[in-house]
Amino acid sequence: MLGIIGISFAILVLMIGVLGTIIPGLPGLPLMWLVYVVFGASTSWENYSLSVVIVFLMVTIAAYLFDYAATVM
């Protein structure tokens, strides 16, 4: 069971990830995906399955590639 400190830390890092989608230089989506995976692993995947994490990974990679392509153009 994840304590209040762990959940608070996860929320804080997710907020930093949200800021990373706005502020250049912060890895927004990859950071949020990492928190998603760590939270799932620490709760023994009780809240969501591994297949959801894989789908979220594909969305994160696609968004990261679109962001890179927009920067190059």
C-alpha atoms as a PDB file:
ATOM      1  CA  MET A   1       0.000   0.000   0.000  1.00  0.00           C
ATOM      2  CA  LEU A   2       1.311   3.355  -0.981  1.00  0.00           C
ATOM      3  CA  GLY A   3       1.386   5.925   1.784  1.00  0.00           C
ATOM      4  CA  ILE A   4       0.314   9.517   1.688  1.00  0.00           C
ATOM      5  CA  ILE A   5       3.915  10.620   1.138  1.00  0.00           C
ATOM      6  CA  GLY A   6       4.250   8.429  -1.960  1.00  0.00           C
ATOM      7  CA  ILE A   7       0.963   9.617  -3.428  1.00  0.00           C
ATOM      8  CA  SER A   8       1.874  13.242  -2.690  1.00  0.00           C
ATOM      9  CA  PHE A   9       5.250  12.744  -4.385  1.00  0.00           C
ATOM     10  CA  ALA A  10       3.567  11.171  -7.416  1.00  0.00           C
ATOM     11  CA  ILE A  11       1.141  14.098  -7.688  1.00  0.00           C
ATOM     12  CA  LEU A  12       4.007  16.587  -7.369  1.00  0.00           C
ATOM     13  CA  VAL A  13       6.011  14.902 -10.119  1.00  0.00           C
ATOM     14  CA  LEU A  14       2.899  14.700 -12.308  1.00  0.00           C
ATOM     15  CA  MET A  15       2.400  18.454 -11.835  1.00  0.00           C
ATOM     16  CA  ILE A  16       6.012  18.996 -12.929  1.00  0.00           C
ATOM     17  CA  GLY A  17       5.251  16.829 -15.954  1.00  0.00           C
ATOM     18  CA  VAL A  18       2.222  18.960 -16.787  1.00  0.00           C
ATOM     19  CA  LEU A  19       4.432  22.045 -16.568  1.00  0.00           C
ATOM     20  CA  GLY A  20       6.862  20.242 -18.868  1.00  0.00           C
ATOM     21  CA  THR A  21       4.240  20.191 -21.589  1.00  0.00           C
ATOM     22  CA  ILE A  22       4.240  23.998 -21.477  1.00  0.00           C
ATOM     23  CA  ILE A  23       7.798  24.933 -20.480  1.00  0.00           C
ATOM     24  CA  PRO A  24      10.555  23.903 -22.920  1.00  0.00           C
ATOM     25  CA  GLY A  25      13.365  21.860 -21.440  1.00  0.00           C
ATOM     26  CA  LEU A  26      11.262  19.794 -19.025  1.00  0.00           C
ATOM     27  CA  PRO A  27      10.385  16.296 -20.249  1.00  0.00           C
ATOM     28  CA  GLY A  28       6.626  16.493 -19.690  1.00  0.00           C
ATOM     29  CA  LEU A  29       5.070  13.360 -21.159  1.00  0.00           C
ATOM     30  CA  PRO A  30       7.984  10.978 -20.507  1.00  0.00           C
ATOM     31  CA  LEU A  31       8.076  12.126 -16.882  1.00  0.00           C
ATOM     32  CA  MET A  32       4.349  11.572 -16.471  1.00  0.00           C
ATOM     33  CA  TRP A  33       4.648   8.115 -18.041  1.00  0.00           C
ATOM     34  CA  LEU A  34       7.452   7.214 -15.655  1.00  0.00           C
ATOM     35  CA  VAL A  35       5.356   8.242 -12.644  1.00  0.00           C
ATOM     36  CA  TYR A  36       2.476   6.189 -14.074  1.00  0.00           C
ATOM     37  CA  VAL A  37       4.699   3.095 -14.287  1.00  0.00           C
ATOM     38  CA  VAL A  38       6.273   3.576 -10.837  1.00  0.00           C
ATOM     39  CA  PHE A  39       2.865   4.105  -9.242  1.00  0.00           C
ATOM     40  CA  GLY A  40       1.495   0.997 -10.962  1.00  0.00           C
ATOM     41  CA  ALA A  41       4.472  -1.112  -9.905  1.00  0.00           C
ATOM     42  CA  SER A  42       4.308   0.121  -6.316  1.00  0.00           C
ATOM     43  CA  THR A  43       0.622  -0.800  -6.066  1.00  0.00           C
ATOM     44  CA  SER A  44       1.148  -4.214  -7.706  1.00  0.00           C
ATOM     45  CA  TRP A  45      -0.894  -3.071 -10.712  1.00  0.00           C
ATOM     46  CA  GLU A  46      -4.112  -3.005  -8.659  1.00  0.00           C
ATOM     47  CA  ASN A  47      -5.422   0.219 -10.188  1.00  0.00           C
ATOM     48  CA  TYR A  48      -4.737  -0.552 -13.851  1.00  0.00           C
ATOM     49  CA  SER A  49      -3.266  -3.300 -15.968  1.00  0.00           C
ATOM     50  CA  LEU A  50       0.022  -3.500 -17.807  1.00  0.00           C
ATOM     51  CA  SER A  51      -1.778  -3.262 -21.151  1.00  0.00           C
ATOM     52  CA  VAL A  52      -2.986   0.238 -20.192  1.00  0.00           C
ATOM     53  CA  VAL A  53       0.619   1.216 -19.467  1.00  0.00           C
ATOM     54  CA  ILE A  54       1.696  -0.061 -22.892  1.00  0.00           C
ATOM     55  CA  VAL A  55      -1.052   1.946 -24.621  1.00  0.00           C
ATOM     56  CA  PHE A  56      -0.046   5.028 -22.637  1.00  0.00           C
ATOM     57  CA  LEU A  57       3.579   4.401 -23.673  1.00  0.00           C
ATOM     58  CA  MET A  58       2.579   4.332 -27.340  1.00  0.00           C
ATOM     59  CA  VAL A  59       0.650   7.596 -26.933  1.00  0.00           C
ATOM     60  CA  THR A  60       3.636   9.156 -25.145  1.00  0.00           C
ATOM     61  CA  ILE A  61       6.051   8.107 -27.897  1.00  0.00           C
ATOM     62  CA  ALA A  62       3.691   9.374 -30.621  1.00  0.00           C
ATOM     63  CA  ALA A  63       3.284  12.745 -28.893  1.00  0.00           C
ATOM     64  CA  TYR A  64       7.036  13.002 -28.364  1.00  0.00           C
ATOM     65  CA  LEU A  65       7.672  12.270 -32.059  1.00  0.00           C
ATOM     66  CA  PHE A  66       5.054  14.820 -33.152  1.00  0.00           C
ATOM     67  CA  ASP A  67       6.657  17.398 -30.886  1.00  0.00           C
ATOM     68  CA  TYR A  68      10.067  16.637 -32.370  1.00  0.00           C
ATOM     69  CA  ALA A  69       8.712  16.820 -35.937  1.00  0.00           C
ATOM     70  CA  ALA A  70       7.068  20.167 -35.213  1.00  0.00           C
ATOM     71  CA  THR A  71      10.371  21.498 -33.912  1.00  0.00           C
ATOM     72  CA  VAL A  72      12.304  20.340 -36.982  1.00  0.00           C
ATOM     73  CA  MET A  73       9.842  21.861 -39.441  1.00  0.00           C
END
